[in-house]
């Protein structure tokens, strides 16, 4: 299972269709990591998130890989994910912070 957390600004991303985005993230995880994603949506209440003193329109997505990634494949996956997110939400690349983290060692 690939863990994915999506922090979204409540009411600030009107183009975000969670059902469609959920399916797109699942497809991305399966194709990229060979596993399904466990997606957690974390809404940030309207008025609780700010960027440069204005209500934020940014989203933060953190995906944990199932294996340690070298910089080049990580960058490629991040670019692909940001493009997926911006195409599906109508947001700009300045409104998405995406992370693909290595798995934690136990």
PDB file of N, CA and C in Angstrom:
ATOM      1  N   UNK A   1       0.842  -1.176   0.000  1.00  0.00           N
ATOM      2  CA  UNK A   1       0.000   0.000   0.000  1.00  0.00           C
ATOM      3  C   UNK A   1       0.892   1.245   0.000  1.00  0.00           C
ATOM      4  N   UNK A   2       0.539   2.199  -0.831  1.00  0.00           N
ATOM      5  CA  UNK A   2       1.241   3.480  -0.921  1.00  0.00           C
ATOM      6  C   UNK A   2       0.429   4.505  -0.147  1.00  0.00           C
ATOM      7  N   UNK A   3       1.022   5.120   0.877  1.00  0.00           N
ATOM      8  CA  UNK A   3       0.311   6.132   1.659  1.00  0.00           C
ATOM      9  C   UNK A   3       0.360   7.473   0.946  1.00  0.00           C
ATOM     10  N   UNK A   4      -0.785   8.122   0.900  1.00  0.00           N
ATOM     11  CA  UNK A   4      -0.894   9.430   0.250  1.00  0.00           C
ATOM     12  C   UNK A   4      -1.791  10.315   1.105  1.00  0.00           C
ATOM     13  N   UNK A   5      -1.262  11.466   1.513  1.00  0.00           N
ATOM     14  CA  UNK A   5      -2.038  12.449   2.270  1.00  0.00           C
ATOM     15  C   UNK A   5      -2.210  13.696   1.422  1.00  0.00           C
ATOM     16  N   UNK A   6      -3.444  14.168   1.329  1.00  0.00           N
ATOM     17  CA  UNK A   6      -3.757  15.350   0.527  1.00  0.00           C
ATOM     18  C   UNK A   6      -4.377  16.415   1.422  1.00  0.00           C
ATOM     19  N   UNK A   7      -3.627  17.487   1.694  1.00  0.00           N
ATOM     20  CA  UNK A   7      -4.151  18.621   2.442  1.00  0.00           C
ATOM     21  C   UNK A   7      -4.700  19.617   1.433  1.00  0.00           C
ATOM     22  N   UNK A   8      -5.977  19.899   1.543  1.00  0.00           N
ATOM     23  CA  UNK A   8      -6.615  20.814   0.591  1.00  0.00           C
ATOM     24  C   UNK A   8      -7.327  21.928   1.336  1.00  0.00           C
ATOM     25  N   UNK A   9      -7.329  23.091   0.739  1.00  0.00           N
ATOM     26  CA  UNK A   9      -7.988  24.252   1.328  1.00  0.00           C
ATOM     27  C   UNK A   9      -9.491  24.157   1.063  1.00  0.00           C
ATOM     28  N   UNK A  10     -10.265  24.032   2.124  1.00  0.00           N
ATOM     29  CA  UNK A  10     -11.707  23.915   1.994  1.00  0.00           C
ATOM     30  C   UNK A  10     -12.275  25.150   1.290  1.00  0.00           C
ATOM     31  N   UNK A  11     -13.019  24.923   0.231  1.00  0.00           N
ATOM     32  CA  UNK A  11     -13.641  26.021  -0.503  1.00  0.00           C
ATOM     33  C   UNK A  11     -12.721  26.792  -1.416  1.00  0.00           C
ATOM     34  N   UNK A  12     -11.440  26.472  -1.439  1.00  0.00           N
ATOM     35  CA  UNK A  12     -10.495  27.214  -2.261  1.00  0.00           C
ATOM     36  C   UNK A  12     -10.145  26.489  -3.561  1.00  0.00           C
ATOM     37  N   UNK A  13     -10.556  25.251  -3.691  1.00  0.00           N
ATOM     38  CA  UNK A  13     -10.281  24.489  -4.910  1.00  0.00           C
ATOM     39  C   UNK A  13     -11.592  23.981  -5.496  1.00  0.00           C
ATOM     40  N   UNK A  14     -12.396  24.883  -6.040  1.00  0.00           N
ATOM     41  CA  UNK A  14     -13.721  24.479  -6.529  1.00  0.00           C
ATOM     42  C   UNK A  14     -13.664  23.454  -7.653  1.00  0.00           C
ATOM     43  N   UNK A  15     -12.548  23.380  -8.378  1.00  0.00           N
ATOM     44  CA  UNK A  15     -12.438  22.431  -9.483  1.00  0.00           C
ATOM     45  C   UNK A  15     -12.010  21.037  -9.020  1.00  0.00           C
ATOM     46  N   UNK A  16     -11.727  20.875  -7.718  1.00  0.00           N
ATOM     47  CA  UNK A  16     -11.275  19.581  -7.222  1.00  0.00           C
ATOM     48  C   UNK A  16     -12.455  18.625  -7.097  1.00  0.00           C
ATOM     49  N   UNK A  17     -12.434  17.597  -7.884  1.00  0.00           N
ATOM     50  CA  UNK A  17     -13.422  16.531  -7.814  1.00  0.00           C
ATOM     51  C   UNK A  17     -12.713  15.375  -7.125  1.00  0.00           C
ATOM     52  N   UNK A  18     -13.034  15.150  -5.845  1.00  0.00           N
ATOM     53  CA  UNK A  18     -12.301  14.147  -5.060  1.00  0.00           C
ATOM     54  C   UNK A  18     -12.443  12.745  -5.636  1.00  0.00           C
ATOM     55  N   UNK A  19     -13.603  12.409  -6.170  1.00  0.00           N
ATOM     56  CA  UNK A  19     -13.803  11.069  -6.728  1.00  0.00           C
ATOM     57  C   UNK A  19     -12.893  10.876  -7.940  1.00  0.00           C
ATOM     58  N   UNK A  20     -12.867  11.865  -8.819  1.00  0.00           N
ATOM     59  CA  UNK A  20     -12.011  11.792 -10.011  1.00  0.00           C
ATOM     60  C   UNK A  20     -10.532  11.813  -9.618  1.00  0.00           C
ATOM     61  N   UNK A  21     -10.176  12.675  -8.655  1.00  0.00           N
ATOM     62  CA  UNK A  21      -8.775  12.767  -8.233  1.00  0.00           C
ATOM     63  C   UNK A  21      -8.347  11.485  -7.525  1.00  0.00           C
ATOM     64  N   UNK A  22      -9.232  10.908  -6.726  1.00  0.00           N
ATOM     65  CA  UNK A  22      -8.939   9.650  -6.044  1.00  0.00           C
ATOM     66  C   UNK A  22      -8.575   8.582  -7.082  1.00  0.00           C
ATOM     67  N   UNK A  23      -9.375   8.477  -8.130  1.00  0.00           N
ATOM     68  CA  UNK A  23      -9.115   7.495  -9.193  1.00  0.00           C
ATOM     69  C   UNK A  23      -7.794   7.788  -9.898  1.00  0.00           C
ATOM     70  N   UNK A  24      -7.503   9.063 -10.141  1.00  0.00           N
ATOM     71  CA  UNK A  24      -6.259   9.435 -10.822  1.00  0.00           C
ATOM     72  C   UNK A  24      -5.041   9.114  -9.953  1.00  0.00           C
ATOM     73  N   UNK A  25      -5.145   9.360  -8.648  1.00  0.00           N
ATOM     74  CA  UNK A  25      -4.032   9.044  -7.744  1.00  0.00           C
ATOM     75  C   UNK A  25      -3.838   7.533  -7.663  1.00  0.00           C
ATOM     76  N   UNK A  26      -4.944   6.792  -7.626  1.00  0.00           N
ATOM     77  CA  UNK A  26      -4.846   5.331  -7.616  1.00  0.00           C
ATOM     78  C   UNK A  26      -4.108   4.831  -8.857  1.00  0.00           C
ATOM     79  N   UNK A  27      -4.475   5.364 -10.003  1.00  0.00           N
ATOM     80  CA  UNK A  27      -3.840   4.953 -11.260  1.00  0.00           C
ATOM     81  C   UNK A  27      -2.355   5.319 -11.245  1.00  0.00           C
ATOM     82  N   UNK A  28      -2.026   6.511 -10.755  1.00  0.00           N
ATOM     83  CA  UNK A  28      -0.638   6.955 -10.656  1.00  0.00           C
ATOM     84  C   UNK A  28       0.165   6.016  -9.743  1.00  0.00           C
ATOM     85  N   UNK A  29      -0.376   5.691  -8.571  1.00  0.00           N
ATOM     86  CA  UNK A  29       0.323   4.831  -7.624  1.00  0.00           C
ATOM     87  C   UNK A  29       0.534   3.432  -8.194  1.00  0.00           C
ATOM     88  N   UNK A  30      -0.497   2.894  -8.813  1.00  0.00           N
ATOM     89  CA  UNK A  30      -0.390   1.541  -9.372  1.00  0.00           C
ATOM     90  C   UNK A  30       0.644   1.498 -10.491  1.00  0.00           C
ATOM     91  N   UNK A  31       0.609   2.490 -11.362  1.00  0.00           N
ATOM     92  CA  UNK A  31       1.558   2.534 -12.479  1.00  0.00           C
ATOM     93  C   UNK A  31       2.977   2.838 -12.006  1.00  0.00           C
ATOM     94  N   UNK A  32       3.116   3.724 -11.041  1.00  0.00           N
ATOM     95  CA  UNK A  32       4.437   4.176 -10.603  1.00  0.00           C
ATOM     96  C   UNK A  32       5.101   3.248  -9.594  1.00  0.00           C
ATOM     97  N   UNK A  33       4.291   2.646  -8.714  1.00  0.00           N
ATOM     98  CA  UNK A  33       4.850   1.856  -7.613  1.00  0.00           C
ATOM     99  C   UNK A  33       4.370   0.411  -7.591  1.00  0.00           C
ATOM    100  N   UNK A  34       3.411   0.080  -8.444  1.00  0.00           N
ATOM    101  CA  UNK A  34       2.891  -1.282  -8.493  1.00  0.00           C
ATOM    102  C   UNK A  34       1.977  -1.635  -7.345  1.00  0.00           C
ATOM    103  N   UNK A  35       1.513  -0.636  -6.608  1.00  0.00           N
ATOM    104  CA  UNK A  35       0.625  -0.854  -5.458  1.00  0.00           C
ATOM    105  C   UNK A  35      -0.497   0.170  -5.453  1.00  0.00           C
ATOM    106  N   UNK A  36      -1.604  -0.185  -4.798  1.00  0.00           N
ATOM    107  CA  UNK A  36      -2.700   0.765  -4.624  1.00  0.00           C
ATOM    108  C   UNK A  36      -2.316   1.811  -3.585  1.00  0.00           C
ATOM    109  N   UNK A  37      -2.990   2.944  -3.671  1.00  0.00           N
ATOM    110  CA  UNK A  37      -2.749   4.026  -2.719  1.00  0.00           C
ATOM    111  C   UNK A  37      -3.827   4.025  -1.639  1.00  0.00           C
ATOM    112  N   UNK A  38      -3.397   4.307  -0.426  1.00  0.00           N
ATOM    113  CA  UNK A  38      -4.324   4.591   0.662  1.00  0.00           C
ATOM    114  C   UNK A  38      -4.326   6.108   0.788  1.00  0.00           C
ATOM    115  N   UNK A  39      -5.429   6.728   0.380  1.00  0.00           N
ATOM    116  CA  UNK A  39      -5.487   8.183   0.286  1.00  0.00           C
ATOM    117  C   UNK A  39      -6.277   8.755   1.452  1.00  0.00           C
ATOM    118  N   UNK A  40      -5.681   9.740   2.115  1.00  0.00           N
ATOM    119  CA  UNK A  40      -6.336  10.443   3.203  1.00  0.00           C
ATOM    120  C   UNK A  40      -6.501  11.899   2.767  1.00  0.00           C
ATOM    121  N   UNK A  41      -7.732  12.379   2.781  1.00  0.00           N
ATOM    122  CA  UNK A  41      -8.021  13.774   2.443  1.00  0.00           C
ATOM    123  C   UNK A  41      -8.103  14.567   3.740  1.00  0.00           C
ATOM    124  N   UNK A  42      -7.305  15.611   3.857  1.00  0.00           N
ATOM    125  CA  UNK A  42      -7.275  16.432   5.061  1.00  0.00           C
ATOM    126  C   UNK A  42      -7.668  17.854   4.664  1.00  0.00           C
ATOM    127  N   UNK A  43      -8.912  18.236   4.950  1.00  0.00           N
ATOM    128  CA  UNK A  43      -9.328  19.598   4.602  1.00  0.00           C
ATOM    129  C   UNK A  43      -8.800  20.612   5.616  1.00  0.00           C
ATOM    130  N   UNK A  44      -8.354  21.731   5.113  1.00  0.00           N
ATOM    131  CA  UNK A  44      -7.953  22.844   5.960  1.00  0.00           C
ATOM    132  C   UNK A  44      -9.131  23.805   5.934  1.00  0.00           C
ATOM    133  N   UNK A  45      -9.720  24.055   7.093  1.00  0.00           N
ATOM    134  CA  UNK A  45     -10.917  24.895   7.177  1.00  0.00           C
ATOM    135  C   UNK A  45     -10.682  26.262   6.542  1.00  0.00           C
ATOM    136  N   UNK A  46     -11.701  26.757   5.869  1.00  0.00           N
ATOM    137  CA  UNK A  46     -11.625  28.080   5.241  1.00  0.00           C
ATOM    138  C   UNK A  46     -11.171  29.105   6.278  1.00  0.00           C
ATOM    139  N   UNK A  47     -10.188  29.896   5.907  1.00  0.00           N
ATOM    140  CA  UNK A  47      -9.660  30.915   6.802  1.00  0.00           C
ATOM    141  C   UNK A  47      -8.533  30.440   7.696  1.00  0.00           C
ATOM    142  N   UNK A  48      -8.212  29.136   7.662  1.00  0.00           N
ATOM    143  CA  UNK A  48      -7.130  28.610   8.503  1.00  0.00           C
ATOM    144  C   UNK A  48      -5.804  28.486   7.769  1.00  0.00           C
ATOM    145  N   UNK A  49      -5.801  28.632   6.454  1.00  0.00           N
ATOM    146  CA  UNK A  49      -4.577  28.525   5.675  1.00  0.00           C
ATOM    147  C   UNK A  49      -4.304  29.810   4.924  1.00  0.00           C
ATOM    148  N   UNK A  50      -3.074  30.303   5.021  1.00  0.00           N
ATOM    149  CA  UNK A  50      -2.719  31.556   4.363  1.00  0.00           C
ATOM    150  C   UNK A  50      -1.396  31.428   3.628  1.00  0.00           C
ATOM    151  N   UNK A  51      -1.286  32.137   2.521  1.00  0.00           N
ATOM    152  CA  UNK A  51      -0.049  32.264   1.768  1.00  0.00           C
ATOM    153  C   UNK A  51       0.139  33.747   1.480  1.00  0.00           C
ATOM    154  N   UNK A  52       1.252  34.296   1.910  1.00  0.00           N
ATOM    155  CA  UNK A  52       1.566  35.714   1.708  1.00  0.00           C
ATOM    156  C   UNK A  52       0.446  36.613   2.232  1.00  0.00           C
ATOM    157  N   UNK A  53      -0.138  36.234   3.370  1.00  0.00           N
ATOM    158  CA  UNK A  53      -1.153  37.056   4.013  1.00  0.00           C
ATOM    159  C   UNK A  53      -2.540  36.979   3.406  1.00  0.00           C
ATOM    160  N   UNK A  54      -2.738  36.088   2.439  1.00  0.00           N
ATOM    161  CA  UNK A  54      -4.047  35.930   1.803  1.00  0.00           C
ATOM    162  C   UNK A  54      -4.505  34.489   1.978  1.00  0.00           C
ATOM    163  N   UNK A  55      -5.832  34.253   1.959  1.00  0.00           N
ATOM    164  CA  UNK A  55      -6.301  32.865   2.056  1.00  0.00           C
ATOM    165  C   UNK A  55      -5.609  31.993   1.004  1.00  0.00           C
ATOM    166  N   UNK A  56      -5.099  30.874   1.463  1.00  0.00           N
ATOM    167  CA  UNK A  56      -4.320  29.995   0.591  1.00  0.00           C
ATOM    168  C   UNK A  56      -5.201  29.229  -0.384  1.00  0.00           C
ATOM    169  N   UNK A  57      -4.680  29.035  -1.576  1.00  0.00           N
ATOM    170  CA  UNK A  57      -5.316  28.168  -2.570  1.00  0.00           C
ATOM    171  C   UNK A  57      -4.421  26.954  -2.825  1.00  0.00           C
ATOM    172  N   UNK A  58      -3.402  26.804  -1.993  1.00  0.00           N
ATOM    173  CA  UNK A  58      -2.431  25.725  -2.190  1.00  0.00           C
ATOM    174  C   UNK A  58      -2.899  24.406  -1.597  1.00  0.00           C
ATOM    175  N   UNK A  59      -2.426  23.334  -2.203  1.00  0.00           N
ATOM    176  CA  UNK A  59      -2.639  21.986  -1.696  1.00  0.00           C
ATOM    177  C   UNK A  59      -1.269  21.369  -1.442  1.00  0.00           C
ATOM    178  N   UNK A  60      -1.222  20.472  -0.467  1.00  0.00           N
ATOM    179  CA  UNK A  60       0.005  19.755  -0.150  1.00  0.00           C
ATOM    180  C   UNK A  60      -0.296  18.266  -0.266  1.00  0.00           C
ATOM    181  N   UNK A  61       0.477  17.582  -1.091  1.00  0.00           N
ATOM    182  CA  UNK A  61       0.281  16.146  -1.279  1.00  0.00           C
ATOM    183  C   UNK A  61       1.586  15.439  -0.946  1.00  0.00           C
ATOM    184  N   UNK A  62       1.497  14.474  -0.033  1.00  0.00           N
ATOM    185  CA  UNK A  62       2.658  13.695   0.366  1.00  0.00           C
ATOM    186  C   UNK A  62       2.399  12.224   0.047  1.00  0.00           C
ATOM    187  N   UNK A  63       3.278  11.654  -0.749  1.00  0.00           N
ATOM    188  CA  UNK A  63       3.181  10.255  -1.145  1.00  0.00           C
ATOM    189  C   UNK A  63       4.432   9.554  -0.631  1.00  0.00           C
ATOM    190  N   UNK A  64       4.249   8.382  -0.021  1.00  0.00           N
ATOM    191  CA  UNK A  64       5.390   7.615   0.454  1.00  0.00           C
ATOM    192  C   UNK A  64       5.633   6.453  -0.505  1.00  0.00           C
ATOM    193  N   UNK A  65       6.801   6.443  -1.103  1.00  0.00           N
ATOM    194  CA  UNK A  65       7.185   5.388  -2.036  1.00  0.00           C
ATOM    195  C   UNK A  65       7.362   4.074  -1.289  1.00  0.00           C
ATOM    196  N   UNK A  66       7.321   2.986  -2.020  1.00  0.00           N
ATOM    197  CA  UNK A  66       7.563   1.676  -1.420  1.00  0.00           C
ATOM    198  C   UNK A  66       9.036   1.280  -1.489  1.00  0.00           C
ATOM    199  N   UNK A  67       9.855   2.141  -2.103  1.00  0.00           N
ATOM    200  CA  UNK A  67      11.288   1.883  -2.161  1.00  0.00           C
ATOM    201  C   UNK A  67      12.032   3.209  -2.236  1.00  0.00           C
ATOM    202  N   UNK A  68      13.303   3.173  -1.842  1.00  0.00           N
ATOM    203  CA  UNK A  68      14.132   4.381  -1.906  1.00  0.00           C
ATOM    204  C   UNK A  68      14.313   4.761  -3.377  1.00  0.00           C
ATOM    205  N   UNK A  69      14.135   6.047  -3.669  1.00  0.00           N
ATOM    206  CA  UNK A  69      14.235   6.531  -5.041  1.00  0.00           C
ATOM    207  C   UNK A  69      15.470   7.396  -5.215  1.00  0.00           C
ATOM    208  N   UNK A  70      16.136   7.224  -6.341  1.00  0.00           N
ATOM    209  CA  UNK A  70      17.226   8.122  -6.711  1.00  0.00           C
ATOM    210  C   UNK A  70      16.619   9.445  -7.167  1.00  0.00           C
ATOM    211  N   UNK A  71      17.413  10.517  -7.183  1.00  0.00           N
ATOM    212  CA  UNK A  71      16.871  11.830  -7.539  1.00  0.00           C
ATOM    213  C   UNK A  71      16.183  11.902  -8.909  1.00  0.00           C
ATOM    214  N   UNK A  72      16.769  11.314  -9.945  1.00  0.00           N
ATOM    215  CA  UNK A  72      16.186  11.443 -11.296  1.00  0.00           C
ATOM    216  C   UNK A  72      14.794  10.809 -11.396  1.00  0.00           C
ATOM    217  N   UNK A  73      14.590   9.555 -10.957  1.00  0.00           N
ATOM    218  CA  UNK A  73      13.237   9.006 -11.030  1.00  0.00           C
ATOM    219  C   UNK A  73      12.253   9.734 -10.110  1.00  0.00           C
ATOM    220  N   UNK A  74      12.717  10.222  -8.956  1.00  0.00           N
ATOM    221  CA  UNK A  74      11.832  10.976  -8.051  1.00  0.00           C
ATOM    222  C   UNK A  74      11.364  12.255  -8.734  1.00  0.00           C
ATOM    223  N   UNK A  75      12.305  12.964  -9.368  1.00  0.00           N
ATOM    224  CA  UNK A  75      11.950  14.207 -10.057  1.00  0.00           C
ATOM    225  C   UNK A  75      10.950  13.940 -11.175  1.00  0.00           C
ATOM    226  N   UNK A  76      11.160  12.881 -11.925  1.00  0.00           N
ATOM    227  CA  UNK A  76      10.250  12.532 -13.014  1.00  0.00           C
ATOM    228  C   UNK A  76       8.840  12.234 -12.486  1.00  0.00           C
ATOM    229  N   UNK A  77       8.764  11.468 -11.400  1.00  0.00           N
ATOM    230  CA  UNK A  77       7.461  11.158 -10.804  1.00  0.00           C
ATOM    231  C   UNK A  77       6.789  12.409 -10.248  1.00  0.00           C
ATOM    232  N   UNK A  78       7.565  13.289  -9.628  1.00  0.00           N
ATOM    233  CA  UNK A  78       7.000  14.535  -9.102  1.00  0.00           C
ATOM    234  C   UNK A  78       6.458  15.413 -10.218  1.00  0.00           C
ATOM    235  N   UNK A  79       7.206  15.533 -11.295  1.00  0.00           N
ATOM    236  CA  UNK A  79       6.729  16.333 -12.433  1.00  0.00           C
ATOM    237  C   UNK A  79       5.427  15.753 -12.987  1.00  0.00           C
ATOM    238  N   UNK A  80       5.402  14.429 -13.123  1.00  0.00           N
ATOM    239  CA  UNK A  80       4.200  13.763 -13.627  1.00  0.00           C
ATOM    240  C   UNK A  80       3.016  13.996 -12.687  1.00  0.00           C
ATOM    241  N   UNK A  81       3.260  13.872 -11.377  1.00  0.00           N
ATOM    242  CA  UNK A  81       2.166  14.050 -10.421  1.00  0.00           C
ATOM    243  C   UNK A  81       1.661  15.492 -10.418  1.00  0.00           C
ATOM    244  N   UNK A  82       2.559  16.459 -10.435  1.00  0.00           N
ATOM    245  CA  UNK A  82       2.143  17.871 -10.443  1.00  0.00           C
ATOM    246  C   UNK A  82       1.318  18.167 -11.695  1.00  0.00           C
ATOM    247  N   UNK A  83       1.720  17.630 -12.828  1.00  0.00           N
ATOM    248  CA  UNK A  83       0.956  17.816 -14.061  1.00  0.00           C
ATOM    249  C   UNK A  83      -0.430  17.185 -13.921  1.00  0.00           C
ATOM    250  N   UNK A  84      -0.482  15.986 -13.364  1.00  0.00           N
ATOM    251  CA  UNK A  84      -1.771  15.319 -13.134  1.00  0.00           C
ATOM    252  C   UNK A  84      -2.657  16.201 -12.253  1.00  0.00           C
ATOM    253  N   UNK A  85      -2.111  16.681 -11.140  1.00  0.00           N
ATOM    254  CA  UNK A  85      -2.880  17.481 -10.186  1.00  0.00           C
ATOM    255  C   UNK A  85      -3.375  18.784 -10.824  1.00  0.00           C
ATOM    256  N   UNK A  86      -2.481  19.491 -11.496  1.00  0.00           N
ATOM    257  CA  UNK A  86      -2.888  20.775 -12.074  1.00  0.00           C
ATOM    258  C   UNK A  86      -3.899  20.579 -13.201  1.00  0.00           C
ATOM    259  N   UNK A  87      -3.754  19.532 -13.989  1.00  0.00           N
ATOM    260  CA  UNK A  87      -4.725  19.267 -15.051  1.00  0.00           C
ATOM    261  C   UNK A  87      -6.099  18.926 -14.493  1.00  0.00           C
ATOM    262  N   UNK A  88      -6.135  18.189 -13.402  1.00  0.00           N
ATOM    263  CA  UNK A  88      -7.417  17.758 -12.822  1.00  0.00           C
ATOM    264  C   UNK A  88      -8.085  18.844 -11.984  1.00  0.00           C
ATOM    265  N   UNK A  89      -7.301  19.726 -11.371  1.00  0.00           N
ATOM    266  CA  UNK A  89      -7.877  20.712 -10.458  1.00  0.00           C
ATOM    267  C   UNK A  89      -8.005  22.109 -11.047  1.00  0.00           C
ATOM    268  N   UNK A  90      -7.268  22.378 -12.111  1.00  0.00           N
ATOM    269  CA  UNK A  90      -7.264  23.736 -12.649  1.00  0.00           C
ATOM    270  C   UNK A  90      -6.337  24.658 -11.882  1.00  0.00           C
ATOM    271  N   UNK A  91      -5.631  24.138 -10.886  1.00  0.00           N
ATOM    272  CA  UNK A  91      -4.689  24.966 -10.140  1.00  0.00           C
ATOM    273  C   UNK A  91      -3.392  25.102 -10.929  1.00  0.00           C
ATOM    274  N   UNK A  92      -2.542  25.993 -10.471  1.00  0.00           N
ATOM    275  CA  UNK A  92      -1.249  26.185 -11.124  1.00  0.00           C
ATOM    276  C   UNK A  92      -0.190  25.377 -10.382  1.00  0.00           C
ATOM    277  N   UNK A  93       0.974  25.241 -10.981  1.00  0.00           N
ATOM    278  CA  UNK A  93       2.061  24.520 -10.317  1.00  0.00           C
ATOM    279  C   UNK A  93       2.546  25.263  -9.074  1.00  0.00           C
ATOM    280  N   UNK A  94       2.244  26.553  -8.958  1.00  0.00           N
ATOM    281  CA  UNK A  94       2.595  27.312  -7.757  1.00  0.00           C
ATOM    282  C   UNK A  94       1.639  27.011  -6.600  1.00  0.00           C
ATOM    283  N   UNK A  95       0.526  26.315  -6.885  1.00  0.00           N
ATOM    284  CA  UNK A  95      -0.478  26.028  -5.858  1.00  0.00           C
ATOM    285  C   UNK A  95      -0.444  24.578  -5.372  1.00  0.00           C
ATOM    286  N   UNK A  96       0.602  23.858  -5.723  1.00  0.00           N
ATOM    287  CA  UNK A  96       0.734  22.474  -5.269  1.00  0.00           C
ATOM    288  C   UNK A  96       2.138  22.253  -4.724  1.00  0.00           C
ATOM    289  N   UNK A  97       2.199  21.707  -3.521  1.00  0.00           N
ATOM    290  CA  UNK A  97       3.455  21.253  -2.950  1.00  0.00           C
ATOM    291  C   UNK A  97       3.342  19.734  -2.930  1.00  0.00           C
ATOM    292  N   UNK A  98       4.188  19.076  -3.680  1.00  0.00           N
ATOM    293  CA  UNK A  98       4.137  17.618  -3.774  1.00  0.00           C
ATOM    294  C   UNK A  98       5.439  17.028  -3.241  1.00  0.00           C
ATOM    295  N   UNK A  99       5.301  15.932  -2.503  1.00  0.00           N
ATOM    296  CA  UNK A  99       6.437  15.241  -1.927  1.00  0.00           C
ATOM    297  C   UNK A  99       6.279  13.758  -2.240  1.00  0.00           C
ATOM    298  N   UNK A 100       7.353  13.133  -2.687  1.00  0.00           N
ATOM    299  CA  UNK A 100       7.403  11.689  -2.753  1.00  0.00           C
ATOM    300  C   UNK A 100       8.559  11.278  -1.854  1.00  0.00           C
ATOM    301  N   UNK A 101       8.183  10.763  -0.689  1.00  0.00           N
ATOM    302  CA  UNK A 101       9.167  10.421   0.347  1.00  0.00           C
ATOM    303  C   UNK A 101       9.573   8.950   0.243  1.00  0.00           C
ATOM    304  N   UNK A 102      10.782   8.671   0.661  1.00  0.00           N
ATOM    305  CA  UNK A 102      11.226   7.282   0.773  1.00  0.00           C
ATOM    306  C   UNK A 102      10.503   6.643   1.942  1.00  0.00           C
ATOM    307  N   UNK A 103      10.366   5.316   1.922  1.00  0.00           N
ATOM    308  CA  UNK A 103       9.725   4.649   3.068  1.00  0.00           C
ATOM    309  C   UNK A 103      10.581   4.811   4.318  1.00  0.00           C
ATOM    310  N   UNK A 104       9.923   4.828   5.451  1.00  0.00           N
ATOM    311  CA  UNK A 104      10.668   4.922   6.704  1.00  0.00           C
ATOM    312  C   UNK A 104      11.225   3.563   7.066  1.00  0.00           C
ATOM    313  N   UNK A 105      12.391   3.562   7.626  1.00  0.00           N
ATOM    314  CA  UNK A 105      13.012   2.299   8.033  1.00  0.00           C
ATOM    315  C   UNK A 105      12.518   1.933   9.418  1.00  0.00           C
ATOM    316  N   UNK A 106      12.258   0.665   9.602  1.00  0.00           N
ATOM    317  CA  UNK A 106      11.789   0.212  10.913  1.00  0.00           C
ATOM    318  C   UNK A 106      12.806  -0.658  11.576  1.00  0.00           C
TER     319      UNK A 106
END
